Amino acid sequence: MHKKQKIIARTFKTFVLTGILIFLGILIKEYSIHIGLFENFEVQIKGNQFVSTSRIQEQLTPYMIQSLLSLNLDDMQEDLSSLDFIKTTQISRLLPNILMIQIIESQPILLITIENENFLMDDNGILLSADGSAISFFPVPIITISNEIENSDEITGDIAGVFQFLLNDYPLFYDNLSEVIIGEEKWTFYSDSKTRVFTKSENLFNQLNILKNFEKTVYPNRRLDDYSYIDLRIEEQVVVKEKYRKG
């Protein structure tokens, strides 16, 4: 019985202390609001490289009339993430007067033109409308879709899949890629050194894996940029032509 009374007393004491702390917290919050402690706050924006700070501040304008404590951070995050080239944001309060915003921008992986409009595609396959400043800022491979292909916008899923494969499994090839021309049942890859890689649309991943293994086989005596072209269209074969070398 005595032990039970101790437990009840300890529980009651904990309950009272919790209540006092909550009450004090409410009093402090109300007093802080009353004296305007959190009314004026500084916004610190970090992480943005392409999206201008002024554009982000403009998007935040409706929130600037609120106090730091009354801000709905989820709504702010959603509004900022709606801006092109912002993938997501991390927002936190640093009391008493700082709002910290960490911007995580989209990472374009290619440039493509669909129905005479330029788009950058990010690493999730999302198309972002691209003006001249965006095209200049992101040095990514260019995708050219031949006129012989109808409904070019329908193959963007295939393009996203191929480039995600390159980024994850063959980044060395991606890093040296300047252009891809997609024709009827064929893809031609152009490296920065003007080496052409001919492939068929069918079993494209398999052909790229063959190319990766071929590159490993000839290294260090040869590199891909030593060849004028590499033809992978014949099953299980690699046909190459070396570039002309003086001397």
Protein backbone atom coordinates (compact mmCIF):
# COMPACT_ATOMS: atom_id res chain seq x y z
CA MET A 1 0.00 0.00 0.00
CA HIS A 2 2.82 2.35 0.93
CA LYS A 3 4.50 1.65 -2.42
CA LYS A 4 1.27 2.43 -4.28
CA GLN A 5 0.99 5.78 -2.49
CA LYS A 6 4.55 6.67 -3.55
CA ILE A 7 3.72 5.94 -7.19
CA ILE A 8 0.59 8.08 -7.01
CA ALA A 9 2.51 10.92 -5.37
CA ARG A 10 5.29 10.76 -7.96
CA THR A 11 2.76 10.71 -10.81
CA PHE A 12 0.91 13.68 -9.32
CA LYS A 13 4.16 15.60 -8.91
CA THR A 14 5.14 14.92 -12.52
CA PHE A 15 1.68 16.00 -13.69
CA VAL A 16 1.88 19.25 -11.71
CA LEU A 17 5.39 20.07 -12.97
CA THR A 18 4.33 19.39 -16.56
CA GLY A 19 1.32 21.65 -16.12
CA ILE A 20 3.49 24.42 -14.66
CA LEU A 21 5.96 24.18 -17.56
CA ILE A 22 3.15 24.30 -20.13
CA PHE A 23 1.60 27.27 -18.34
CA LEU A 24 4.94 29.11 -18.22
CA GLY A 25 5.50 28.34 -21.89
CA ILE A 26 2.12 29.85 -22.79
CA LEU A 27 2.84 32.91 -20.65
CA ILE A 28 6.25 33.40 -22.27
CA LYS A 29 4.79 33.01 -25.76
CA GLU A 30 1.94 35.44 -25.07
CA TYR A 31 4.31 37.97 -23.49
CA SER A 32 6.74 37.66 -26.42
CA ILE A 33 3.91 38.30 -28.86
CA HIS A 34 2.67 41.21 -26.74
CA ILE A 35 6.04 42.98 -26.81
CA GLY A 36 6.64 42.08 -30.46
CA LEU A 37 9.72 39.95 -29.78
CA PHE A 38 9.16 37.78 -32.88
CA GLU A 39 7.54 40.39 -35.11
CA ASN A 40 10.71 41.46 -36.88
CA PHE A 41 12.85 38.62 -38.13
CA GLU A 42 15.69 38.10 -40.57
CA VAL A 43 15.38 35.68 -43.48
CA GLN A 44 18.57 33.85 -44.41
CA ILE A 45 18.48 32.06 -47.79
CA LYS A 46 21.19 29.57 -48.66
CA GLY A 47 21.86 26.93 -51.30
CA ASN A 48 20.39 28.68 -54.34
CA GLN A 49 22.71 29.09 -57.31
CA PHE A 50 20.44 29.52 -60.32
CA VAL A 51 17.20 30.78 -58.77
CA SER A 52 17.82 34.36 -57.67
CA THR A 53 17.46 35.38 -54.04
CA SER A 54 15.17 38.22 -55.10
CA ARG A 55 12.79 35.73 -56.79
CA ILE A 56 12.66 33.66 -53.60
CA GLN A 57 12.06 36.77 -51.49
CA GLU A 58 9.23 37.79 -53.82
CA GLN A 59 7.57 34.39 -53.29
CA LEU A 60 7.86 34.90 -49.52
CA THR A 61 6.25 38.36 -49.52
CA PRO A 62 2.80 37.23 -48.21
CA TYR A 63 4.47 35.71 -45.14
CA MET A 64 6.46 38.76 -44.14
CA ILE A 65 3.50 40.39 -42.39
CA GLN A 66 3.35 37.52 -39.89
CA SER A 67 5.40 36.91 -36.78
CA LEU A 68 8.14 34.31 -36.76
CA LEU A 69 6.15 31.99 -34.48
CA SER A 70 2.93 32.20 -36.49
CA LEU A 71 4.52 31.20 -39.82
CA ASN A 72 3.24 27.98 -41.37
CA LEU A 73 6.50 26.41 -42.49
CA ASP A 74 4.76 23.66 -44.48
CA ASP A 75 2.89 26.24 -46.58
CA MET A 76 6.11 28.20 -47.14
CA GLN A 77 7.93 25.07 -48.25
CA GLU A 78 5.14 24.20 -50.69
CA ASP A 79 5.11 27.71 -52.17
CA LEU A 80 8.87 27.81 -52.67
CA SER A 81 8.96 24.30 -54.14
CA SER A 82 6.44 25.43 -56.77
CA LEU A 83 9.12 27.66 -58.33
CA ASP A 84 10.87 26.23 -61.38
CA PHE A 85 14.32 24.79 -60.62
CA ILE A 86 13.62 24.47 -56.88
CA LYS A 87 13.39 20.79 -56.01
CA THR A 88 12.63 21.22 -52.33
CA THR A 89 13.43 23.42 -49.34
CA GLN A 90 14.28 22.99 -45.69
CA ILE A 91 12.92 25.77 -43.45
CA SER A 92 13.59 26.25 -39.74
CA ARG A 93 13.26 28.91 -37.07
CA LEU A 94 16.30 30.06 -35.12
CA LEU A 95 14.82 31.96 -32.20
CA PRO A 96 14.42 34.74 -31.48
CA ASN A 97 14.62 36.39 -34.91
CA ILE A 98 16.00 34.26 -37.76
CA LEU A 99 14.18 32.23 -40.40
CA MET A 100 16.63 29.86 -42.11
CA ILE A 101 15.77 28.65 -45.64
CA GLN A 102 17.95 26.03 -47.33
CA ILE A 103 17.23 25.75 -51.04
CA ILE A 104 17.78 22.48 -52.90
CA GLU A 105 17.69 23.14 -56.63
CA SER A 106 16.82 20.73 -59.42
CA GLN A 107 19.76 19.18 -61.27
CA PRO A 108 19.15 19.28 -65.04
CA ILE A 109 20.73 16.39 -66.95
CA LEU A 110 19.84 17.24 -70.55
CA LEU A 111 18.38 19.88 -72.86
CA ILE A 112 15.59 18.93 -75.25
CA THR A 113 13.35 20.80 -77.71
CA ILE A 114 9.73 19.69 -77.95
CA GLU A 115 7.35 21.42 -80.36
CA ASN A 116 9.79 24.32 -80.77
CA GLU A 117 10.03 24.91 -77.01
CA ASN A 118 13.22 24.31 -75.02
CA PHE A 119 13.16 22.24 -71.84
CA LEU A 120 15.73 21.08 -69.33
CA MET A 121 15.04 17.65 -67.87
CA ASP A 122 16.04 17.03 -64.26
CA ASP A 123 17.31 13.79 -62.73
CA ASN A 124 13.73 12.73 -61.94
CA GLY A 125 12.61 13.09 -65.56
CA ILE A 126 10.71 16.34 -64.92
CA LEU A 127 10.72 18.89 -67.74
CA LEU A 128 11.52 22.49 -66.82
CA SER A 129 10.88 25.31 -69.26
CA ALA A 130 14.29 26.71 -70.24
CA ASP A 131 15.05 30.25 -71.37
CA GLY A 132 18.42 31.53 -72.53
CA SER A 133 19.76 32.13 -69.04
CA ALA A 134 18.93 28.58 -67.92
CA ILE A 135 20.46 27.06 -71.05
CA SER A 136 23.65 29.06 -70.50
CA PHE A 137 23.84 28.20 -66.80
CA PHE A 138 23.51 24.41 -67.14
CA PRO A 139 26.06 22.78 -69.49
CA VAL A 140 24.20 19.55 -70.24
CA PRO A 141 24.00 17.27 -73.29
CA ILE A 142 21.61 18.31 -76.04
CA ILE A 143 18.91 15.93 -77.26
CA THR A 144 17.88 16.32 -80.90
CA ILE A 145 14.84 14.38 -82.05
CA SER A 146 14.70 13.73 -85.79
CA ASN A 147 11.76 15.04 -87.78
CA GLU A 148 11.05 11.49 -88.88
CA ILE A 149 9.74 10.72 -85.39
CA GLU A 150 6.12 11.69 -84.81
CA ASN A 151 4.84 12.67 -81.36
CA SER A 152 8.33 13.39 -80.07
CA ASP A 153 6.95 14.30 -76.65
CA GLU A 154 5.94 10.67 -76.12
CA ILE A 155 9.52 9.38 -75.96
CA THR A 156 10.61 11.63 -73.09
CA GLY A 157 10.08 8.70 -70.70
CA ASP A 158 12.53 6.59 -72.72
CA ILE A 159 15.03 9.44 -72.76
CA ALA A 160 14.75 9.89 -68.99
CA GLY A 161 15.33 6.18 -68.47
CA VAL A 162 18.45 6.12 -70.64
CA PHE A 163 20.00 9.13 -68.93
CA GLN A 164 19.22 7.86 -65.45
CA PHE A 165 21.00 4.65 -66.45
CA LEU A 166 24.02 6.63 -67.67
CA LEU A 167 24.17 8.72 -64.49
CA ASN A 168 23.94 5.69 -62.23
CA ASP A 169 25.86 3.04 -64.21
CA TYR A 170 28.03 4.81 -66.75
CA PRO A 171 28.78 8.36 -65.47
CA LEU A 172 32.11 8.51 -67.33
CA PHE A 173 30.27 8.32 -70.65
CA TYR A 174 27.68 10.88 -69.53
CA ASP A 175 30.37 13.34 -68.41
CA ASN A 176 31.87 13.38 -71.91
CA LEU A 177 28.57 13.47 -73.79
CA SER A 178 27.67 16.55 -75.83
CA GLU A 179 24.69 15.52 -77.98
CA VAL A 180 22.32 12.67 -78.74
CA ILE A 181 20.43 12.49 -82.03
CA ILE A 182 17.38 10.23 -81.88
CA GLY A 183 16.13 8.89 -85.19
CA GLU A 184 13.77 6.18 -86.30
CA GLU A 185 14.94 3.07 -84.40
CA LYS A 186 18.41 4.51 -83.78
CA TRP A 187 20.28 6.70 -81.31
CA THR A 188 23.59 8.39 -82.14
CA PHE A 189 25.70 9.65 -79.25
CA TYR A 190 28.31 12.38 -79.81
CA SER A 191 31.11 12.86 -77.29
CA ASP A 192 32.88 16.14 -76.58
CA SER A 193 35.77 14.82 -78.69
CA LYS A 194 33.38 14.21 -81.68
CA THR A 195 33.42 10.44 -81.33
CA ARG A 196 30.14 9.01 -82.60
CA VAL A 197 28.51 5.99 -80.99
CA PHE A 198 25.87 4.30 -83.14
CA THR A 199 23.15 2.27 -81.40
CA LYS A 200 19.74 0.79 -82.13
CA SER A 201 16.70 1.83 -80.10
CA GLU A 202 16.00 -1.81 -79.30
CA ASN A 203 18.02 -3.24 -76.40
CA LEU A 204 19.74 0.11 -75.90
CA PHE A 205 20.80 -0.60 -72.32
CA ASN A 206 22.50 -3.80 -73.40
CA GLN A 207 24.45 -1.92 -76.08
CA LEU A 208 25.56 0.71 -73.59
CA ASN A 209 26.75 -2.03 -71.23
CA ILE A 210 28.74 -3.53 -74.11
CA LEU A 211 30.29 -0.11 -74.71
CA LYS A 212 31.19 0.20 -71.02
CA ASN A 213 32.89 -3.20 -71.05
CA PHE A 214 34.66 -2.36 -74.31
CA GLU A 215 36.03 0.84 -72.79
CA LYS A 216 37.38 -1.11 -69.81
CA THR A 217 38.99 -3.64 -72.16
CA VAL A 218 40.91 -1.15 -74.31
CA TYR A 219 41.98 1.11 -71.43
CA PRO A 220 44.72 2.38 -70.91
CA ASN A 221 46.01 1.78 -74.45
CA ARG A 222 42.93 3.35 -76.00
CA ARG A 223 40.16 5.68 -74.96
CA LEU A 224 36.79 6.24 -76.58
CA ASP A 225 37.94 9.60 -77.91
CA ASP A 226 40.64 7.76 -79.94
CA TYR A 227 37.89 6.50 -82.25
CA SER A 228 36.08 8.30 -85.02
CA TYR A 229 33.06 6.10 -84.46
CA ILE A 230 31.96 3.05 -82.48
CA ASP A 231 29.13 1.00 -83.97
CA LEU A 232 27.14 -1.21 -81.60
CA ARG A 233 24.26 -2.04 -83.92
CA ILE A 234 25.52 -5.51 -84.81
CA GLU A 235 24.55 -7.89 -82.02
CA GLU A 236 27.39 -8.74 -79.64
CA GLN A 237 29.94 -6.91 -81.79
CA VAL A 238 31.81 -3.65 -81.55
CA VAL A 239 32.86 -2.10 -84.87
CA VAL A 240 35.26 0.82 -84.57
CA LYS A 241 37.20 3.23 -86.73
CA GLU A 242 40.19 4.99 -85.23
CA LYS A 243 40.79 8.65 -85.77
CA TYR A 244 43.59 9.54 -88.13
CA ARG A 245 46.76 10.33 -86.24
CA LYS A 246 49.72 12.13 -87.78
CA GLY A 247 53.09 10.44 -87.40
